[in-house]
Amino acid sequence: MDMLCLLFECPSRGVFVDAGGRPWGDEEIAAAIGGDMASNLECIRELLAKGVAQRDARGAIFSRRMVRDEQERQAAKERKRKQRSGQSLSSKDDGFHPTQTTLFATPRGVGEELTTIDQIAHLHPKNAHLKNKPVPLAHRIAIADAIARDGEAAVISGTESLAAGVAKWDPMDKNFAPNPIKFYEESEYLKPRESWQRQRKQNRSEKCLLHPQAALTEWGECGECYGNKYVSGCQPA
């Protein structure tokens, strides 16, 4: 929590660098936190090992989540400025802070990465109604964090498996597709493809030997026996 507070106050929000762009050393961060230096350094090493905090190409420790939040804030600020000034919005100018675009060690530019994130988000069955509309920011952040953890290929493949499985569900069951944020935050995209397959309901039409005049439930079972919790020993003919 202390590190997050310090990151928020840094000149480049979310990144431990000074005003000149020089990365803070681990000892400097530990000293700024206060308290026991050895304990603070151990906590910093653990956060880096767990992937909670990361280092950029300069060696500066940063919070991916905070950096993305700042990018989105800057983008929204720029869009609002253009709207107020009557300028048209360009897809090539997303309003991202120029000093933060080099934080992510990927072969793509930031714009391309966000495009990929949007494409993945639209693959999720719960976002089918959005079509080409923007997806919620919380969804994009969850997907970006998932890509950082497990790689783009795994996230895309897992989302495609979910979409293919849910497409074969009964219409009423599609309401129970996993929530997008939970799906990506809890790495449910890593589940095997079979996890999203459901057996279609088997509708039996056989008459009950004990209650041949009884109506059948939607599952094709004897209504009388169902009401008695199957204690009558009903079997299909």
C-alpha atoms as a PDB file:
ATOM      1  CA  MET A   1       0.000   0.000   0.000  1.00  0.00           C
ATOM      2  CA  ASP A   2       2.864   2.382   0.817  1.00  0.00           C
ATOM      3  CA  MET A   3       4.428   1.631  -2.553  1.00  0.00           C
ATOM      4  CA  LEU A   4       1.155   2.390  -4.336  1.00  0.00           C
ATOM      5  CA  CYS A   5       0.935   5.746  -2.583  1.00  0.00           C
ATOM      6  CA  LEU A   6       4.485   6.577  -3.655  1.00  0.00           C
ATOM      7  CA  LEU A   7       3.816   5.424  -7.227  1.00  0.00           C
ATOM      8  CA  PHE A   8       0.763   7.648  -7.417  1.00  0.00           C
ATOM      9  CA  GLU A   9       2.874  10.693  -6.497  1.00  0.00           C
ATOM     10  CA  CYS A  10       5.721   9.970  -8.942  1.00  0.00           C
ATOM     11  CA  PRO A  11       6.179  12.406 -11.889  1.00  0.00           C
ATOM     12  CA  SER A  12       5.330   9.569 -14.277  1.00  0.00           C
ATOM     13  CA  ARG A  13       2.372   8.123 -12.393  1.00  0.00           C
ATOM     14  CA  GLY A  14       2.741   4.430 -11.626  1.00  0.00           C
ATOM     15  CA  VAL A  15       6.499   4.327 -12.338  1.00  0.00           C
ATOM     16  CA  PHE A  16       9.347   4.754  -9.851  1.00  0.00           C
ATOM     17  CA  VAL A  17      11.324   7.406 -11.756  1.00  0.00           C
ATOM     18  CA  ASP A  18      12.323  10.941 -10.836  1.00  0.00           C
ATOM     19  CA  ALA A  19      11.503  14.081 -12.797  1.00  0.00           C
ATOM     20  CA  GLY A  20      14.458  13.427 -15.106  1.00  0.00           C
ATOM     21  CA  GLY A  21      13.355   9.879 -15.874  1.00  0.00           C
ATOM     22  CA  ARG A  22      15.991   8.204 -13.694  1.00  0.00           C
ATOM     23  CA  PRO A  23      14.710   4.950 -12.116  1.00  0.00           C
ATOM     24  CA  TRP A  24      14.625   4.723  -8.328  1.00  0.00           C
ATOM     25  CA  GLY A  25      16.862   2.072  -6.801  1.00  0.00           C
ATOM     26  CA  ASP A  26      15.348  -0.590  -4.558  1.00  0.00           C
ATOM     27  CA  GLU A  27      17.105   0.949  -1.559  1.00  0.00           C
ATOM     28  CA  GLU A  28      15.619   4.370  -2.360  1.00  0.00           C
ATOM     29  CA  ILE A  29      12.123   2.865  -2.499  1.00  0.00           C
ATOM     30  CA  ALA A  30      12.660   0.969   0.752  1.00  0.00           C
ATOM     31  CA  ALA A  31      13.883   4.129   2.463  1.00  0.00           C
ATOM     32  CA  ALA A  32      10.940   6.165   1.178  1.00  0.00           C
ATOM     33  CA  ILE A  33       8.503   3.585   2.540  1.00  0.00           C
ATOM     34  CA  GLY A  34      10.000   3.929   5.993  1.00  0.00           C
ATOM     35  CA  GLY A  35      10.454   1.358   8.715  1.00  0.00           C
ATOM     36  CA  ASP A  36      12.821  -1.613   8.551  1.00  0.00           C
ATOM     37  CA  MET A  37      14.968  -1.457   5.400  1.00  0.00           C
ATOM     38  CA  ALA A  38      15.673  -5.202   5.245  1.00  0.00           C
ATOM     39  CA  SER A  39      11.989  -6.049   5.593  1.00  0.00           C
ATOM     40  CA  ASN A  40      11.030  -3.487   2.933  1.00  0.00           C
ATOM     41  CA  LEU A  41      13.615  -4.819   0.488  1.00  0.00           C
ATOM     42  CA  GLU A  42      12.352  -8.360   1.031  1.00  0.00           C
ATOM     43  CA  CYS A  43       8.780  -7.207   0.343  1.00  0.00           C
ATOM     44  CA  ILE A  44       9.897  -5.475  -2.860  1.00  0.00           C
ATOM     45  CA  ARG A  45      11.648  -8.649  -4.048  1.00  0.00           C
ATOM     46  CA  GLU A  46       8.556 -10.703  -3.261  1.00  0.00           C
ATOM     47  CA  LEU A  47       6.252  -8.311  -5.151  1.00  0.00           C
ATOM     48  CA  LEU A  48       8.525  -8.522  -8.182  1.00  0.00           C
ATOM     49  CA  ALA A  49       8.742 -12.311  -7.962  1.00  0.00           C
ATOM     50  CA  LYS A  50       4.958 -12.636  -7.755  1.00  0.00           C
ATOM     51  CA  GLY A  51       4.432 -10.295 -10.721  1.00  0.00           C
ATOM     52  CA  VAL A  52       2.494  -7.766  -8.656  1.00  0.00           C
ATOM     53  CA  ALA A  53       5.131  -5.165  -9.526  1.00  0.00           C
ATOM     54  CA  GLN A  54       7.329  -5.275 -12.621  1.00  0.00           C
ATOM     55  CA  ARG A  55      10.393  -3.621 -14.129  1.00  0.00           C
ATOM     56  CA  ASP A  56      10.425  -1.801 -17.451  1.00  0.00           C
ATOM     57  CA  ALA A  57      13.279  -1.722 -19.965  1.00  0.00           C
ATOM     58  CA  ARG A  58      15.046   0.955 -17.898  1.00  0.00           C
ATOM     59  CA  GLY A  59      14.905  -1.185 -14.761  1.00  0.00           C
ATOM     60  CA  ALA A  60      12.301   1.041 -13.129  1.00  0.00           C
ATOM     61  CA  ILE A  61       9.725  -0.693 -10.955  1.00  0.00           C
ATOM     62  CA  PHE A  62       6.171   0.068 -12.047  1.00  0.00           C
ATOM     63  CA  SER A  63       2.558  -0.953 -11.484  1.00  0.00           C
ATOM     64  CA  ARG A  64       1.029  -2.118 -14.764  1.00  0.00           C
ATOM     65  CA  ARG A  65      -2.478  -1.504 -13.460  1.00  0.00           C
ATOM     66  CA  MET A  66      -1.725   2.056 -12.343  1.00  0.00           C
ATOM     67  CA  VAL A  67       0.042   2.854 -15.625  1.00  0.00           C
ATOM     68  CA  ARG A  68      -2.925   1.616 -17.637  1.00  0.00           C
ATOM     69  CA  ASP A  69      -5.339   3.582 -15.483  1.00  0.00           C
ATOM     70  CA  GLU A  70      -3.270   6.709 -16.102  1.00  0.00           C
ATOM     71  CA  GLN A  71      -3.213   6.014 -19.840  1.00  0.00           C
ATOM     72  CA  GLU A  72      -6.977   5.679 -19.890  1.00  0.00           C
ATOM     73  CA  ARG A  73      -7.347   8.860 -17.853  1.00  0.00           C
ATOM     74  CA  GLN A  74      -5.118  10.775 -20.249  1.00  0.00           C
ATOM     75  CA  ALA A  75      -6.980   9.338 -23.254  1.00  0.00           C
ATOM     76  CA  ALA A  76     -10.348  10.341 -21.815  1.00  0.00           C
ATOM     77  CA  LYS A  77      -9.011  13.805 -21.009  1.00  0.00           C
ATOM     78  CA  GLU A  78      -7.753  14.229 -24.571  1.00  0.00           C
ATOM     79  CA  ARG A  79     -11.023  13.024 -26.085  1.00  0.00           C
ATOM     80  CA  LYS A  80     -12.975  15.447 -23.927  1.00  0.00           C
ATOM     81  CA  ARG A  81     -10.644  18.289 -24.930  1.00  0.00           C
ATOM     82  CA  LYS A  82     -11.186  17.521 -28.610  1.00  0.00           C
ATOM     83  CA  GLN A  83     -14.932  17.284 -28.181  1.00  0.00           C
ATOM     84  CA  ARG A  84     -15.037  20.675 -26.503  1.00  0.00           C
ATOM     85  CA  SER A  85     -12.873  22.239 -29.184  1.00  0.00           C
ATOM     86  CA  GLY A  86     -14.860  20.644 -31.993  1.00  0.00           C
ATOM     87  CA  GLN A  87     -11.952  18.582 -33.306  1.00  0.00           C
ATOM     88  CA  SER A  88     -12.603  15.178 -34.816  1.00  0.00           C
ATOM     89  CA  LEU A  89     -11.273  12.169 -32.937  1.00  0.00           C
ATOM     90  CA  SER A  90      -8.622  10.157 -34.740  1.00  0.00           C
ATOM     91  CA  SER A  91      -8.069   6.471 -34.088  1.00  0.00           C
ATOM     92  CA  LYS A  92      -4.340   7.152 -34.437  1.00  0.00           C
ATOM     93  CA  ASP A  93      -4.304   9.557 -31.502  1.00  0.00           C
ATOM     94  CA  ASP A  94      -5.554   7.885 -28.356  1.00  0.00           C
ATOM     95  CA  GLY A  95      -4.195  10.581 -26.049  1.00  0.00           C
ATOM     96  CA  PHE A  96      -1.740   8.314 -24.234  1.00  0.00           C
ATOM     97  CA  HIS A  97       1.052   9.872 -22.246  1.00  0.00           C
ATOM     98  CA  PRO A  98       4.151   9.781 -24.515  1.00  0.00           C
ATOM     99  CA  THR A  99       6.537   8.804 -21.706  1.00  0.00           C
ATOM    100  CA  GLN A 100       4.550   5.695 -20.805  1.00  0.00           C
ATOM    101  CA  THR A 101       4.313   3.971 -24.188  1.00  0.00           C
ATOM    102  CA  THR A 102       7.720   2.275 -23.736  1.00  0.00           C
ATOM    103  CA  LEU A 103       6.858   0.545 -20.481  1.00  0.00           C
ATOM    104  CA  PHE A 104       5.553  -2.650 -22.045  1.00  0.00           C
ATOM    105  CA  ALA A 105       8.143  -4.974 -23.530  1.00  0.00           C
ATOM    106  CA  THR A 106       6.018  -6.187 -26.441  1.00  0.00           C
ATOM    107  CA  PRO A 107       6.597  -6.008 -30.211  1.00  0.00           C
ATOM    108  CA  ARG A 108       3.364  -4.074 -30.675  1.00  0.00           C
ATOM    109  CA  GLY A 109       2.627  -0.413 -30.127  1.00  0.00           C
ATOM    110  CA  VAL A 110       0.194   0.635 -27.431  1.00  0.00           C
ATOM    111  CA  GLY A 111      -2.555   1.327 -29.963  1.00  0.00           C
ATOM    112  CA  GLU A 112      -2.175  -2.124 -31.450  1.00  0.00           C
ATOM    113  CA  GLU A 113      -2.222  -3.742 -28.024  1.00  0.00           C
ATOM    114  CA  LEU A 114      -5.454  -1.993 -27.112  1.00  0.00           C
ATOM    115  CA  THR A 115      -6.936  -3.082 -30.429  1.00  0.00           C
ATOM    116  CA  THR A 116      -6.033  -6.668 -29.575  1.00  0.00           C
ATOM    117  CA  ILE A 117      -7.577  -6.260 -26.135  1.00  0.00           C
ATOM    118  CA  ASP A 118     -10.799  -4.957 -27.663  1.00  0.00           C
ATOM    119  CA  GLN A 119     -10.906  -7.861 -30.111  1.00  0.00           C
ATOM    120  CA  ILE A 120     -10.519 -10.355 -27.284  1.00  0.00           C
ATOM    121  CA  ALA A 121     -13.201  -8.599 -25.251  1.00  0.00           C
ATOM    122  CA  HIS A 122     -15.676  -8.839 -28.125  1.00  0.00           C
ATOM    123  CA  LEU A 123     -15.036 -12.596 -28.397  1.00  0.00           C
ATOM    124  CA  HIS A 124     -16.463 -13.125 -24.907  1.00  0.00           C
ATOM    125  CA  PRO A 125     -20.117 -14.285 -25.101  1.00  0.00           C
ATOM    126  CA  LYS A 126     -21.221 -11.755 -22.477  1.00  0.00           C
ATOM    127  CA  ASN A 127     -20.027  -8.935 -24.733  1.00  0.00           C
ATOM    128  CA  ALA A 128     -21.758 -10.179 -27.879  1.00  0.00           C
ATOM    129  CA  HIS A 129     -24.384  -7.437 -27.582  1.00  0.00           C
ATOM    130  CA  LEU A 130     -21.712  -4.735 -27.825  1.00  0.00           C
ATOM    131  CA  LYS A 131     -20.707  -5.727 -31.360  1.00  0.00           C
ATOM    132  CA  ASN A 132     -18.331  -2.954 -32.470  1.00  0.00           C
ATOM    133  CA  LYS A 133     -19.048  -0.655 -29.539  1.00  0.00           C
ATOM    134  CA  PRO A 134     -16.350   0.121 -26.937  1.00  0.00           C
ATOM    135  CA  VAL A 135     -16.051  -2.420 -24.135  1.00  0.00           C
ATOM    136  CA  PRO A 136     -16.015  -1.338 -20.465  1.00  0.00           C
ATOM    137  CA  LEU A 137     -12.678  -0.166 -19.137  1.00  0.00           C
ATOM    138  CA  ALA A 138     -12.739  -2.763 -16.359  1.00  0.00           C
ATOM    139  CA  HIS A 139     -12.923  -5.522 -18.988  1.00  0.00           C
ATOM    140  CA  ARG A 140      -9.953  -4.112 -20.903  1.00  0.00           C
ATOM    141  CA  ILE A 141      -7.837  -3.837 -17.772  1.00  0.00           C
ATOM    142  CA  ALA A 142      -8.646  -7.422 -16.751  1.00  0.00           C
ATOM    143  CA  ILE A 143      -7.693  -8.668 -20.231  1.00  0.00           C
ATOM    144  CA  ALA A 144      -4.474  -6.624 -20.296  1.00  0.00           C
ATOM    145  CA  ASP A 145      -3.446  -8.071 -16.940  1.00  0.00           C
ATOM    146  CA  ALA A 146      -4.281 -11.581 -18.187  1.00  0.00           C
ATOM    147  CA  ILE A 147      -2.073 -11.077 -21.258  1.00  0.00           C
ATOM    148  CA  ALA A 148       0.739  -9.856 -19.012  1.00  0.00           C
ATOM    149  CA  ARG A 149       0.436 -13.004 -16.880  1.00  0.00           C
ATOM    150  CA  ASP A 150      -0.113 -15.753 -19.424  1.00  0.00           C
ATOM    151  CA  GLY A 151       0.480 -14.321 -22.877  1.00  0.00           C
ATOM    152  CA  GLU A 152      -1.786 -13.187 -25.669  1.00  0.00           C
ATOM    153  CA  ALA A 153      -2.086 -16.605 -27.330  1.00  0.00           C
ATOM    154  CA  ALA A 154      -3.389 -18.287 -24.164  1.00  0.00           C
ATOM    155  CA  VAL A 155      -5.967 -15.558 -23.533  1.00  0.00           C
ATOM    156  CA  ILE A 156      -7.239 -15.583 -27.113  1.00  0.00           C
ATOM    157  CA  SER A 157      -7.384 -19.391 -27.279  1.00  0.00           C
ATOM    158  CA  GLY A 158      -9.215 -19.649 -23.955  1.00  0.00           C
ATOM    159  CA  THR A 159     -11.737 -16.973 -24.943  1.00  0.00           C
ATOM    160  CA  GLU A 160     -12.374 -18.699 -28.261  1.00  0.00           C
ATOM    161  CA  SER A 161     -12.932 -22.009 -26.452  1.00  0.00           C
ATOM    162  CA  LEU A 162     -15.472 -20.367 -24.173  1.00  0.00           C
ATOM    163  CA  ALA A 163     -17.274 -18.712 -27.088  1.00  0.00           C
ATOM    164  CA  ALA A 164     -17.411 -21.982 -29.051  1.00  0.00           C
ATOM    165  CA  GLY A 165     -18.751 -23.885 -26.055  1.00  0.00           C
ATOM    166  CA  VAL A 166     -21.377 -21.309 -25.054  1.00  0.00           C
ATOM    167  CA  ALA A 167     -22.589 -21.089 -28.668  1.00  0.00           C
ATOM    168  CA  LYS A 168     -23.827 -24.694 -28.335  1.00  0.00           C
ATOM    169  CA  TRP A 169     -25.601 -24.147 -25.014  1.00  0.00           C
ATOM    170  CA  ASP A 170     -29.368 -23.967 -24.738  1.00  0.00           C
ATOM    171  CA  PRO A 171     -30.490 -20.317 -25.068  1.00  0.00           C
ATOM    172  CA  MET A 172     -31.615 -20.143 -21.434  1.00  0.00           C
ATOM    173  CA  ASP A 173     -28.267 -21.467 -20.224  1.00  0.00           C
ATOM    174  CA  LYS A 174     -26.294 -18.737 -21.978  1.00  0.00           C
ATOM    175  CA  ASN A 175     -27.222 -16.370 -19.161  1.00  0.00           C
ATOM    176  CA  PHE A 176     -24.878 -18.425 -16.974  1.00  0.00           C
ATOM    177  CA  ALA A 177     -21.754 -17.759 -19.053  1.00  0.00           C
ATOM    178  CA  PRO A 178     -18.923 -16.541 -16.767  1.00  0.00           C
ATOM    179  CA  ASN A 179     -18.611 -12.851 -15.993  1.00  0.00           C
ATOM    180  CA  PRO A 180     -15.885 -11.333 -18.236  1.00  0.00           C
ATOM    181  CA  ILE A 181     -13.933  -9.660 -15.429  1.00  0.00           C
ATOM    182  CA  LYS A 182     -13.959 -12.820 -13.282  1.00  0.00           C
ATOM    183  CA  PHE A 183     -13.099 -14.921 -16.359  1.00  0.00           C
ATOM    184  CA  TYR A 184      -9.884 -12.982 -16.978  1.00  0.00           C
ATOM    185  CA  GLU A 185      -8.918 -12.067 -13.418  1.00  0.00           C
ATOM    186  CA  GLU A 186      -9.180 -15.697 -12.260  1.00  0.00           C
ATOM    187  CA  SER A 187      -7.505 -17.086 -15.402  1.00  0.00           C
ATOM    188  CA  GLU A 188     -10.537 -19.177 -16.335  1.00  0.00           C
ATOM    189  CA  TYR A 189      -9.353 -18.971 -19.961  1.00  0.00           C
ATOM    190  CA  LEU A 190      -6.764 -21.610 -19.011  1.00  0.00           C
ATOM    191  CA  LYS A 191      -9.445 -24.217 -18.366  1.00  0.00           C
ATOM    192  CA  PRO A 192      -9.624 -27.059 -20.902  1.00  0.00           C
ATOM    193  CA  ARG A 193     -12.058 -26.671 -23.791  1.00  0.00           C
ATOM    194  CA  GLU A 194     -14.217 -29.465 -22.362  1.00  0.00           C
ATOM    195  CA  SER A 195     -15.041 -27.276 -19.354  1.00  0.00           C
ATOM    196  CA  TRP A 196     -17.398 -25.195 -21.498  1.00  0.00           C
ATOM    197  CA  GLN A 197     -19.248 -28.134 -23.043  1.00  0.00           C
ATOM    198  CA  ARG A 198     -22.683 -28.998 -21.707  1.00  0.00           C
ATOM    199  CA  GLN A 199     -24.807 -32.044 -22.377  1.00  0.00           C
ATOM    200  CA  ARG A 200     -28.097 -31.202 -23.974  1.00  0.00           C
ATOM    201  CA  LYS A 201     -31.138 -32.111 -21.952  1.00  0.00           C
ATOM    202  CA  GLN A 202     -32.384 -35.568 -22.806  1.00  0.00           C
ATOM    203  CA  ASN A 203     -36.146 -35.432 -23.165  1.00  0.00           C
ATOM    204  CA  ARG A 204     -37.712 -38.845 -22.539  1.00  0.00           C
ATOM    205  CA  SER A 205     -41.264 -39.491 -23.586  1.00  0.00           C
ATOM    206  CA  GLU A 206     -41.768 -42.968 -22.099  1.00  0.00           C
ATOM    207  CA  LYS A 207     -44.839 -43.434 -19.937  1.00  0.00           C
ATOM    208  CA  CYS A 208     -44.445 -44.338 -16.301  1.00  0.00           C
ATOM    209  CA  LEU A 209     -45.443 -47.933 -15.524  1.00  0.00           C
ATOM    210  CA  LEU A 210     -46.933 -46.919 -12.171  1.00  0.00           C
ATOM    211  CA  HIS A 211     -48.628 -43.693 -13.367  1.00  0.00           C
ATOM    212  CA  PRO A 212     -49.390 -44.118 -17.086  1.00  0.00           C
ATOM    213  CA  GLN A 213     -51.823 -41.161 -17.029  1.00  0.00           C
ATOM    214  CA  ALA A 214     -49.434 -38.768 -15.299  1.00  0.00           C
ATOM    215  CA  ALA A 215     -48.041 -35.786 -17.154  1.00  0.00           C
ATOM    216  CA  LEU A 216     -44.333 -35.618 -17.878  1.00  0.00           C
ATOM    217  CA  THR A 217     -41.962 -32.933 -16.625  1.00  0.00           C
ATOM    218  CA  GLU A 218     -39.845 -30.910 -19.055  1.00  0.00           C
ATOM    219  CA  TRP A 219     -37.179 -33.549 -18.491  1.00  0.00           C
ATOM    220  CA  GLY A 220     -39.523 -36.302 -19.707  1.00  0.00           C
ATOM    221  CA  GLU A 221     -39.997 -37.809 -16.250  1.00  0.00           C
ATOM    222  CA  CYS A 222     -43.173 -38.856 -14.529  1.00  0.00           C
ATOM    223  CA  GLY A 223     -44.728 -35.890 -12.740  1.00  0.00           C
ATOM    224  CA  GLU A 224     -46.168 -38.081  -9.969  1.00  0.00           C
ATOM    225  CA  CYS A 225     -42.826 -39.712  -9.255  1.00  0.00           C
ATOM    226  CA  TYR A 226     -41.024 -36.404  -9.398  1.00  0.00           C
ATOM    227  CA  GLY A 227     -43.441 -35.016  -6.837  1.00  0.00           C
ATOM    228  CA  ASN A 228     -42.767 -37.957  -4.562  1.00  0.00           C
ATOM    229  CA  LYS A 229     -39.007 -37.425  -4.933  1.00  0.00           C
ATOM    230  CA  TYR A 230     -38.734 -40.685  -6.830  1.00  0.00           C
ATOM    231  CA  VAL A 231     -39.681 -42.828  -3.815  1.00  0.00           C
ATOM    232  CA  SER A 232     -42.203 -44.812  -5.863  1.00  0.00           C
ATOM    233  CA  GLY A 233     -39.567 -46.650  -7.841  1.00  0.00           C
ATOM    234  CA  CYS A 234     -40.871 -45.317 -11.135  1.00  0.00           C
ATOM    235  CA  GLN A 235     -39.083 -46.658 -14.207  1.00  0.00           C
ATOM    236  CA  PRO A 236     -39.711 -45.831 -17.865  1.00  0.00           C
ATOM    237  CA  ALA A 237     -41.433 -48.443 -19.964  1.00  0.00           C
END
